[in-house]
Amino acid sequence: MPNVFRFYIKHCVIGFTVAAGFVGLLLWFNVANLWHLISTSDIGLMALAVFWVLNGIVFAGVQTGVAVMLMAEDEDHGPKGGTPVRAVPVRVIATPRKS
């Protein structure tokens, strides 16, 4: 399997795991009365699965995006701040314009 697929699958699994923890905490603290709604509904398991999958898609996308952005390499251009610039005085002579 190519490295890019392994990378993507790994970070999607991490994202879905974090989403499972997030949904679990939402239910544990009964935010917006979600625990009551899911536990008393006849389709509560389906609602829980949909809630987890949709959050998992978001968390997996964020996890993958952060992982890709953290892969950037620092560009080494010498000393910090780039090349130092020296100011050189230049004489400017103003002449009146003839009209």
Protein backbone atom coordinates (compact mmCIF):
# COMPACT_ATOMS: atom_id res chain seq x y z
CA MET A 1 0.00 0.00 0.00
CA PRO A 2 1.43 3.44 -0.91
CA ASN A 3 2.53 5.70 1.90
CA VAL A 4 -0.10 8.33 1.12
CA PHE A 5 -2.93 5.82 1.67
CA ARG A 6 -1.40 4.60 4.91
CA PHE A 7 -1.00 8.21 6.04
CA TYR A 8 -4.62 9.08 5.21
CA ILE A 9 -6.11 5.95 6.79
CA LYS A 10 -4.02 6.41 9.95
CA HIS A 11 -5.21 9.98 10.44
CA CYS A 12 -8.81 9.13 9.60
CA VAL A 13 -8.76 6.44 12.29
CA ILE A 14 -7.34 8.97 14.74
CA GLY A 15 -10.06 11.47 13.77
CA PHE A 16 -12.87 8.93 14.17
CA THR A 17 -11.45 7.86 17.54
CA VAL A 18 -11.38 11.45 18.76
CA ALA A 19 -14.94 11.89 17.44
CA ALA A 20 -16.05 8.83 19.43
CA GLY A 21 -14.60 10.40 22.57
CA PHE A 22 -16.24 13.72 21.75
CA VAL A 23 -19.67 12.13 21.22
CA GLY A 24 -19.20 10.08 24.39
CA LEU A 25 -18.46 13.22 26.39
CA LEU A 26 -21.48 14.99 24.89
CA LEU A 27 -23.69 12.10 25.96
CA TRP A 28 -22.01 11.77 29.39
CA PHE A 29 -22.60 15.44 30.22
CA ASN A 30 -26.05 15.30 28.57
CA VAL A 31 -25.39 18.40 26.47
CA ALA A 32 -28.63 19.67 24.90
CA ASN A 33 -30.37 16.67 26.50
CA LEU A 34 -28.81 14.35 23.89
CA TRP A 35 -28.55 11.34 26.22
CA HIS A 36 -32.25 11.47 27.00
CA LEU A 37 -33.18 11.91 23.33
CA ILE A 38 -31.05 8.97 22.17
CA SER A 39 -31.84 6.63 25.07
CA THR A 40 -35.63 7.08 24.85
CA SER A 41 -35.95 6.99 21.06
CA ASP A 42 -36.74 3.78 19.19
CA ILE A 43 -34.11 4.72 16.56
CA GLY A 44 -31.59 5.96 19.11
CA LEU A 45 -28.80 3.65 17.92
CA MET A 46 -29.15 4.87 14.36
CA ALA A 47 -29.14 8.49 15.56
CA LEU A 48 -26.02 7.77 17.61
CA ALA A 49 -24.30 6.14 14.62
CA VAL A 50 -25.15 9.03 12.31
CA PHE A 51 -24.01 11.56 14.92
CA TRP A 52 -20.70 9.71 15.36
CA VAL A 53 -20.08 9.28 11.61
CA LEU A 54 -20.79 12.92 10.81
CA ASN A 55 -18.54 14.12 13.64
CA GLY A 56 -15.97 11.55 12.56
CA ILE A 57 -15.85 12.98 9.05
CA VAL A 58 -15.19 16.45 10.44
CA PHE A 59 -12.58 15.33 12.98
CA ALA A 60 -10.82 13.09 10.43
CA GLY A 61 -10.61 15.97 7.96
CA VAL A 62 -9.21 18.30 10.58
CA GLN A 63 -6.74 15.68 11.81
CA THR A 64 -5.52 14.97 8.28
CA GLY A 65 -5.24 18.67 7.46
CA VAL A 66 -3.24 19.41 10.59
CA ALA A 67 -0.96 16.43 9.92
CA VAL A 68 -0.31 17.59 6.36
CA MET A 69 0.44 21.16 7.47
CA LEU A 70 2.83 19.92 10.16
CA MET A 71 4.85 18.10 7.48
CA ALA A 72 6.21 21.40 6.11
CA GLU A 73 9.95 21.74 6.21
CA ASP A 74 11.64 24.89 7.38
CA GLU A 75 13.43 26.73 4.61
CA ASP A 76 16.99 27.52 5.59
CA HIS A 77 17.97 30.90 4.13
CA GLY A 78 20.86 31.71 6.39
CA PRO A 79 20.43 33.89 9.46
CA LYS A 80 16.93 34.57 10.76
CA GLY A 81 15.25 37.47 9.08
CA GLY A 82 16.94 36.86 5.74
CA THR A 83 19.92 38.67 4.31
CA PRO A 84 20.74 41.92 6.12
CA VAL A 85 20.33 45.05 3.99
CA ARG A 86 22.76 47.95 4.35
CA ALA A 87 21.57 51.49 3.76
CA VAL A 88 23.78 53.42 1.36
CA PRO A 89 23.35 57.21 1.24
CA VAL A 90 22.71 58.59 -2.25
CA ARG A 91 23.06 62.28 -3.20
CA VAL A 92 20.03 63.62 -5.05
CA ILE A 93 20.19 67.00 -6.74
CA ALA A 94 16.89 68.77 -7.41
CA THR A 95 16.75 70.96 -10.49
CA PRO A 96 13.88 73.32 -11.27
CA ARG A 97 11.57 72.23 -14.05
CA LYS A 98 11.41 74.46 -17.10
CA SER A 99 7.94 75.08 -18.44
